[in-house]
């Protein structure tokens, strides 16, 4: 098993997609509200985060697949 942890680059298309994938999976869980992210959120969240100098995310991959996220 290979574990990789990175500070997420909001301008990296794959990492941006992985961030939305993980956030959506959390949102679908009862602890996240049991409802998928709104499409308008999916369309704008990464760009809005990229505008905030104080925002950062850390993403974890296990065997190349997104597995964890800290915002």
PDB file of N, CA and C in Angstrom:
ATOM      1  N   UNK A   1       0.847  -1.179   0.000  1.00  0.00           N
ATOM      2  CA  UNK A   1       0.000   0.000   0.000  1.00  0.00           C
ATOM      3  C   UNK A   1       0.885   1.232   0.000  1.00  0.00           C
ATOM      4  N   UNK A   2       0.599   2.151  -0.907  1.00  0.00           N
ATOM      5  CA  UNK A   2       1.341   3.407  -0.970  1.00  0.00           C
ATOM      6  C   UNK A   2       0.428   4.546  -0.552  1.00  0.00           C
ATOM      7  N   UNK A   3       0.898   5.348   0.401  1.00  0.00           N
ATOM      8  CA  UNK A   3       0.147   6.503   0.880  1.00  0.00           C
ATOM      9  C   UNK A   3       0.915   7.760   0.513  1.00  0.00           C
ATOM     10  N   UNK A   4       0.224   8.697  -0.149  1.00  0.00           N
ATOM     11  CA  UNK A   4       0.819   9.981  -0.529  1.00  0.00           C
ATOM     12  C   UNK A   4      -0.063  11.090   0.011  1.00  0.00           C
ATOM     13  N   UNK A   5       0.565  12.107   0.599  1.00  0.00           N
ATOM     14  CA  UNK A   5      -0.159  13.246   1.159  1.00  0.00           C
ATOM     15  C   UNK A   5       0.416  14.519   0.553  1.00  0.00           C
ATOM     16  N   UNK A   6      -0.472  15.390   0.064  1.00  0.00           N
ATOM     17  CA  UNK A   6      -0.050  16.625  -0.599  1.00  0.00           C
ATOM     18  C   UNK A   6      -0.889  17.796  -0.108  1.00  0.00           C
ATOM     19  N   UNK A   7      -0.297  18.977  -0.132  1.00  0.00           N
ATOM     20  CA  UNK A   7      -1.099  20.190  -0.062  1.00  0.00           C
ATOM     21  C   UNK A   7      -1.753  20.308  -1.422  1.00  0.00           C
ATOM     22  N   UNK A   8      -3.064  20.400  -1.439  1.00  0.00           N
ATOM     23  CA  UNK A   8      -3.812  20.389  -2.681  1.00  0.00           C
ATOM     24  C   UNK A   8      -3.555  21.665  -3.478  1.00  0.00           C
ATOM     25  N   UNK A   9      -3.347  21.485  -4.753  1.00  0.00           N
ATOM     26  CA  UNK A   9      -3.174  22.602  -5.683  1.00  0.00           C
ATOM     27  C   UNK A   9      -4.516  22.828  -6.367  1.00  0.00           C
ATOM     28  N   UNK A  10      -5.208  23.911  -6.022  1.00  0.00           N
ATOM     29  CA  UNK A  10      -6.534  24.182  -6.578  1.00  0.00           C
ATOM     30  C   UNK A  10      -6.508  24.381  -8.094  1.00  0.00           C
ATOM     31  N   UNK A  11      -5.344  24.629  -8.662  1.00  0.00           N
ATOM     32  CA  UNK A  11      -5.221  24.840 -10.106  1.00  0.00           C
ATOM     33  C   UNK A  11      -4.908  23.542 -10.854  1.00  0.00           C
ATOM     34  N   UNK A  12      -4.695  22.455 -10.116  1.00  0.00           N
ATOM     35  CA  UNK A  12      -4.468  21.143 -10.720  1.00  0.00           C
ATOM     36  C   UNK A  12      -5.836  20.485 -10.935  1.00  0.00           C
ATOM     37  N   UNK A  13      -6.194  20.263 -12.182  1.00  0.00           N
ATOM     38  CA  UNK A  13      -7.525  19.758 -12.519  1.00  0.00           C
ATOM     39  C   UNK A  13      -7.847  18.434 -11.817  1.00  0.00           C
ATOM     40  N   UNK A  14      -6.899  17.505 -11.783  1.00  0.00           N
ATOM     41  CA  UNK A  14      -7.162  16.207 -11.159  1.00  0.00           C
ATOM     42  C   UNK A  14      -7.362  16.356  -9.653  1.00  0.00           C
ATOM     43  N   UNK A  15      -6.511  17.144  -9.019  1.00  0.00           N
ATOM     44  CA  UNK A  15      -6.665  17.341  -7.579  1.00  0.00           C
ATOM     45  C   UNK A  15      -7.964  18.067  -7.263  1.00  0.00           C
ATOM     46  N   UNK A  16      -8.358  19.008  -8.097  1.00  0.00           N
ATOM     47  CA  UNK A  16      -9.626  19.718  -7.902  1.00  0.00           C
ATOM     48  C   UNK A  16     -10.799  18.742  -8.008  1.00  0.00           C
ATOM     49  N   UNK A  17     -10.765  17.862  -8.988  1.00  0.00           N
ATOM     50  CA  UNK A  17     -11.817  16.853  -9.139  1.00  0.00           C
ATOM     51  C   UNK A  17     -11.832  15.909  -7.942  1.00  0.00           C
ATOM     52  N   UNK A  18     -10.655  15.544  -7.450  1.00  0.00           N
ATOM     53  CA  UNK A  18     -10.569  14.648  -6.300  1.00  0.00           C
ATOM     54  C   UNK A  18     -11.121  15.312  -5.040  1.00  0.00           C
ATOM     55  N   UNK A  19     -10.872  16.605  -4.869  1.00  0.00           N
ATOM     56  CA  UNK A  19     -11.421  17.351  -3.739  1.00  0.00           C
ATOM     57  C   UNK A  19     -12.945  17.300  -3.780  1.00  0.00           C
ATOM     58  N   UNK A  20     -13.529  17.584  -4.934  1.00  0.00           N
ATOM     59  CA  UNK A  20     -14.983  17.562  -5.061  1.00  0.00           C
ATOM     60  C   UNK A  20     -15.542  16.158  -4.873  1.00  0.00           C
ATOM     61  N   UNK A  21     -14.845  15.167  -5.366  1.00  0.00           N
ATOM     62  CA  UNK A  21     -15.265  13.767  -5.182  1.00  0.00           C
ATOM     63  C   UNK A  21     -15.344  13.435  -3.695  1.00  0.00           C
ATOM     64  N   UNK A  22     -14.283  13.762  -2.954  1.00  0.00           N
ATOM     65  CA  UNK A  22     -14.256  13.440  -1.528  1.00  0.00           C
ATOM     66  C   UNK A  22     -15.288  14.242  -0.746  1.00  0.00           C
ATOM     67  N   UNK A  23     -15.437  15.520  -1.050  1.00  0.00           N
ATOM     68  CA  UNK A  23     -16.439  16.333  -0.360  1.00  0.00           C
ATOM     69  C   UNK A  23     -17.852  15.826  -0.651  1.00  0.00           C
ATOM     70  N   UNK A  24     -18.098  15.406  -1.870  1.00  0.00           N
ATOM     71  CA  UNK A  24     -19.412  14.895  -2.219  1.00  0.00           C
ATOM     72  C   UNK A  24     -19.694  13.585  -1.490  1.00  0.00           C
ATOM     73  N   UNK A  25     -18.698  12.715  -1.390  1.00  0.00           N
ATOM     74  CA  UNK A  25     -18.871  11.450  -0.655  1.00  0.00           C
ATOM     75  C   UNK A  25     -19.182  11.725   0.807  1.00  0.00           C
ATOM     76  N   UNK A  26     -18.507  12.712   1.402  1.00  0.00           N
ATOM     77  CA  UNK A  26     -18.791  13.081   2.783  1.00  0.00           C
ATOM     78  C   UNK A  26     -20.217  13.636   2.885  1.00  0.00           C
ATOM     79  N   UNK A  27     -20.603  14.489   1.971  1.00  0.00           N
ATOM     80  CA  UNK A  27     -21.935  15.090   2.006  1.00  0.00           C
ATOM     81  C   UNK A  27     -23.029  14.024   1.909  1.00  0.00           C
ATOM     82  N   UNK A  28     -22.773  12.957   1.177  1.00  0.00           N
ATOM     83  CA  UNK A  28     -23.754  11.885   1.019  1.00  0.00           C
ATOM     84  C   UNK A  28     -23.909  11.037   2.281  1.00  0.00           C
ATOM     85  N   UNK A  29     -22.926  11.050   3.157  1.00  0.00           N
ATOM     86  CA  UNK A  29     -22.965  10.305   4.404  1.00  0.00           C
ATOM     87  C   UNK A  29     -23.934  10.994   5.376  1.00  0.00           C
ATOM     88  N   UNK A  30     -24.584  10.234   6.251  1.00  0.00           N
ATOM     89  CA  UNK A  30     -25.451  10.878   7.245  1.00  0.00           C
ATOM     90  C   UNK A  30     -24.737  11.960   8.062  1.00  0.00           C
ATOM     91  N   UNK A  31     -23.452  11.778   8.341  1.00  0.00           N
ATOM     92  CA  UNK A  31     -22.712  12.788   9.102  1.00  0.00           C
ATOM     93  C   UNK A  31     -22.518  14.067   8.296  1.00  0.00           C
ATOM     94  N   UNK A  32     -22.594  13.976   6.981  1.00  0.00           N
ATOM     95  CA  UNK A  32     -22.421  15.146   6.126  1.00  0.00           C
ATOM     96  C   UNK A  32     -23.732  15.746   5.655  1.00  0.00           C
ATOM     97  N   UNK A  33     -24.837  15.196   6.142  1.00  0.00           N
ATOM     98  CA  UNK A  33     -26.146  15.718   5.766  1.00  0.00           C
ATOM     99  C   UNK A  33     -26.949  14.804   4.862  1.00  0.00           C
ATOM    100  N   UNK A  34     -26.319  13.729   4.365  1.00  0.00           N
ATOM    101  CA  UNK A  34     -26.988  12.713   3.542  1.00  0.00           C
ATOM    102  C   UNK A  34     -27.565  13.275   2.243  1.00  0.00           C
ATOM    103  N   UNK A  35     -26.897  14.282   1.707  1.00  0.00           N
ATOM    104  CA  UNK A  35     -27.361  14.891   0.456  1.00  0.00           C
ATOM    105  C   UNK A  35     -26.151  15.319  -0.360  1.00  0.00           C
ATOM    106  N   UNK A  36     -26.182  15.025  -1.635  1.00  0.00           N
ATOM    107  CA  UNK A  36     -25.060  15.377  -2.517  1.00  0.00           C
ATOM    108  C   UNK A  36     -24.869  16.892  -2.558  1.00  0.00           C
ATOM    109  N   UNK A  37     -23.647  17.298  -2.869  1.00  0.00           N
ATOM    110  CA  UNK A  37     -23.385  18.720  -3.049  1.00  0.00           C
ATOM    111  C   UNK A  37     -24.208  19.259  -4.207  1.00  0.00           C
ATOM    112  N   UNK A  38     -24.689  20.458  -4.051  1.00  0.00           N
ATOM    113  CA  UNK A  38     -25.417  21.148  -5.105  1.00  0.00           C
ATOM    114  C   UNK A  38     -24.486  21.365  -6.296  1.00  0.00           C
ATOM    115  N   UNK A  39     -25.004  21.247  -7.500  1.00  0.00           N
ATOM    116  CA  UNK A  39     -24.173  21.400  -8.698  1.00  0.00           C
ATOM    117  C   UNK A  39     -23.515  22.770  -8.770  1.00  0.00           C
ATOM    118  N   UNK A  40     -24.208  23.803  -8.311  1.00  0.00           N
ATOM    119  CA  UNK A  40     -23.602  25.138  -8.338  1.00  0.00           C
ATOM    120  C   UNK A  40     -22.395  25.211  -7.405  1.00  0.00           C
ATOM    121  N   UNK A  41     -22.436  24.482  -6.304  1.00  0.00           N
ATOM    122  CA  UNK A  41     -21.288  24.405  -5.395  1.00  0.00           C
ATOM    123  C   UNK A  41     -20.136  23.687  -6.090  1.00  0.00           C
ATOM    124  N   UNK A  42     -20.449  22.575  -6.728  1.00  0.00           N
ATOM    125  CA  UNK A  42     -19.417  21.822  -7.444  1.00  0.00           C
ATOM    126  C   UNK A  42     -18.770  22.672  -8.534  1.00  0.00           C
ATOM    127  N   UNK A  43     -19.576  23.522  -9.176  1.00  0.00           N
ATOM    128  CA  UNK A  43     -19.069  24.338 -10.281  1.00  0.00           C
ATOM    129  C   UNK A  43     -18.185  25.485  -9.818  1.00  0.00           C
ATOM    130  N   UNK A  44     -18.358  25.951  -8.581  1.00  0.00           N
ATOM    131  CA  UNK A  44     -17.647  27.159  -8.158  1.00  0.00           C
ATOM    132  C   UNK A  44     -16.694  26.994  -6.981  1.00  0.00           C
ATOM    133  N   UNK A  45     -16.814  25.937  -6.219  1.00  0.00           N
ATOM    134  CA  UNK A  45     -16.069  25.819  -4.962  1.00  0.00           C
ATOM    135  C   UNK A  45     -14.561  25.920  -5.134  1.00  0.00           C
ATOM    136  N   UNK A  46     -13.999  25.177  -6.046  1.00  0.00           N
ATOM    137  CA  UNK A  46     -12.541  25.153  -6.196  1.00  0.00           C
ATOM    138  C   UNK A  46     -12.019  26.531  -6.596  1.00  0.00           C
ATOM    139  N   UNK A  47     -12.672  27.174  -7.525  1.00  0.00           N
ATOM    140  CA  UNK A  47     -12.239  28.511  -7.953  1.00  0.00           C
ATOM    141  C   UNK A  47     -12.340  29.509  -6.806  1.00  0.00           C
ATOM    142  N   UNK A  48     -13.390  29.394  -6.006  1.00  0.00           N
ATOM    143  CA  UNK A  48     -13.543  30.307  -4.869  1.00  0.00           C
ATOM    144  C   UNK A  48     -12.486  30.046  -3.798  1.00  0.00           C
ATOM    145  N   UNK A  49     -12.177  28.790  -3.540  1.00  0.00           N
ATOM    146  CA  UNK A  49     -11.109  28.474  -2.587  1.00  0.00           C
ATOM    147  C   UNK A  49      -9.768  29.019  -3.069  1.00  0.00           C
ATOM    148  N   UNK A  50      -9.520  28.900  -4.360  1.00  0.00           N
ATOM    149  CA  UNK A  50      -8.256  29.380  -4.922  1.00  0.00           C
ATOM    150  C   UNK A  50      -8.071  30.880  -4.748  1.00  0.00           C
ATOM    151  N   UNK A  51      -9.167  31.622  -4.626  1.00  0.00           N
ATOM    152  CA  UNK A  51      -9.093  33.074  -4.438  1.00  0.00           C
ATOM    153  C   UNK A  51      -8.716  33.474  -3.016  1.00  0.00           C
ATOM    154  N   UNK A  52      -8.855  32.552  -2.080  1.00  0.00           N
ATOM    155  CA  UNK A  52      -8.639  32.867  -0.667  1.00  0.00           C
ATOM    156  C   UNK A  52      -7.215  32.529  -0.249  1.00  0.00           C
ATOM    157  N   UNK A  53      -6.397  33.525   0.069  1.00  0.00           N
ATOM    158  CA  UNK A  53      -5.007  33.235   0.427  1.00  0.00           C
ATOM    159  C   UNK A  53      -4.873  32.401   1.699  1.00  0.00           C
ATOM    160  N   UNK A  54      -5.873  32.431   2.575  1.00  0.00           N
ATOM    161  CA  UNK A  54      -5.793  31.684   3.819  1.00  0.00           C
ATOM    162  C   UNK A  54      -6.339  30.255   3.686  1.00  0.00           C
ATOM    163  N   UNK A  55      -6.950  29.926   2.563  1.00  0.00           N
ATOM    164  CA  UNK A  55      -7.523  28.593   2.367  1.00  0.00           C
ATOM    165  C   UNK A  55      -6.443  27.613   1.927  1.00  0.00           C
ATOM    166  N   UNK A  56      -6.504  26.417   2.492  1.00  0.00           N
ATOM    167  CA  UNK A  56      -5.659  25.336   1.994  1.00  0.00           C
ATOM    168  C   UNK A  56      -6.310  24.007   2.314  1.00  0.00           C
ATOM    169  N   UNK A  57      -5.990  23.026   1.521  1.00  0.00           N
ATOM    170  CA  UNK A  57      -6.515  21.677   1.701  1.00  0.00           C
ATOM    171  C   UNK A  57      -5.347  20.710   1.623  1.00  0.00           C
ATOM    172  N   UNK A  58      -5.459  19.641   2.363  1.00  0.00           N
ATOM    173  CA  UNK A  58      -4.478  18.565   2.318  1.00  0.00           C
ATOM    174  C   UNK A  58      -5.227  17.326   1.855  1.00  0.00           C
ATOM    175  N   UNK A  59      -4.682  16.662   0.842  1.00  0.00           N
ATOM    176  CA  UNK A  59      -5.350  15.493   0.277  1.00  0.00           C
ATOM    177  C   UNK A  59      -4.443  14.277   0.409  1.00  0.00           C
ATOM    178  N   UNK A  60      -5.069  13.152   0.685  1.00  0.00           N
ATOM    179  CA  UNK A  60      -4.341  11.890   0.842  1.00  0.00           C
ATOM    180  C   UNK A  60      -4.802  10.921  -0.238  1.00  0.00           C
ATOM    181  N   UNK A  61      -3.835  10.254  -0.842  1.00  0.00           N
ATOM    182  CA  UNK A  61      -4.109   9.208  -1.824  1.00  0.00           C
ATOM    183  C   UNK A  61      -3.576   7.880  -1.289  1.00  0.00           C
ATOM    184  N   UNK A  62      -4.350   6.836  -1.470  1.00  0.00           N
ATOM    185  CA  UNK A  62      -3.900   5.482  -1.144  1.00  0.00           C
ATOM    186  C   UNK A  62      -3.887   4.710  -2.451  1.00  0.00           C
ATOM    187  N   UNK A  63      -2.716   4.234  -2.805  1.00  0.00           N
ATOM    188  CA  UNK A  63      -2.529   3.531  -4.072  1.00  0.00           C
ATOM    189  C   UNK A  63      -3.066   4.334  -5.256  1.00  0.00           C
ATOM    190  N   UNK A  64      -2.837   5.656  -5.214  1.00  0.00           N
ATOM    191  CA  UNK A  64      -3.212   6.521  -6.316  1.00  0.00           C
ATOM    192  C   UNK A  64      -4.651   6.967  -6.336  1.00  0.00           C
ATOM    193  N   UNK A  65      -5.463   6.548  -5.353  1.00  0.00           N
ATOM    194  CA  UNK A  65      -6.865   6.914  -5.330  1.00  0.00           C
ATOM    195  C   UNK A  65      -7.127   7.878  -4.179  1.00  0.00           C
ATOM    196  N   UNK A  66      -7.976   8.902  -4.379  1.00  0.00           N
ATOM    197  CA  UNK A  66      -8.256   9.857  -3.304  1.00  0.00           C
ATOM    198  C   UNK A  66      -8.905   9.141  -2.126  1.00  0.00           C
ATOM    199  N   UNK A  67      -8.355   9.391  -0.917  1.00  0.00           N
ATOM    200  CA  UNK A  67      -8.828   8.659   0.252  1.00  0.00           C
ATOM    201  C   UNK A  67      -9.138   9.546   1.446  1.00  0.00           C
ATOM    202  N   UNK A  68      -8.592  10.753   1.508  1.00  0.00           N
ATOM    203  CA  UNK A  68      -8.834  11.607   2.658  1.00  0.00           C
ATOM    204  C   UNK A  68      -8.567  13.055   2.329  1.00  0.00           C
ATOM    205  N   UNK A  69      -9.204  13.939   3.105  1.00  0.00           N
ATOM    206  CA  UNK A  69      -9.124  15.363   2.832  1.00  0.00           C
ATOM    207  C   UNK A  69      -9.247  16.138   4.122  1.00  0.00           C
ATOM    208  N   UNK A  70      -8.433  17.181   4.242  1.00  0.00           N
ATOM    209  CA  UNK A  70      -8.522  18.135   5.353  1.00  0.00           C
ATOM    210  C   UNK A  70      -8.558  19.519   4.731  1.00  0.00           C
ATOM    211  N   UNK A  71      -9.526  20.332   5.151  1.00  0.00           N
ATOM    212  CA  UNK A  71      -9.635  21.706   4.649  1.00  0.00           C
ATOM    213  C   UNK A  71      -9.389  22.674   5.779  1.00  0.00           C
TER     214      UNK A  71
END
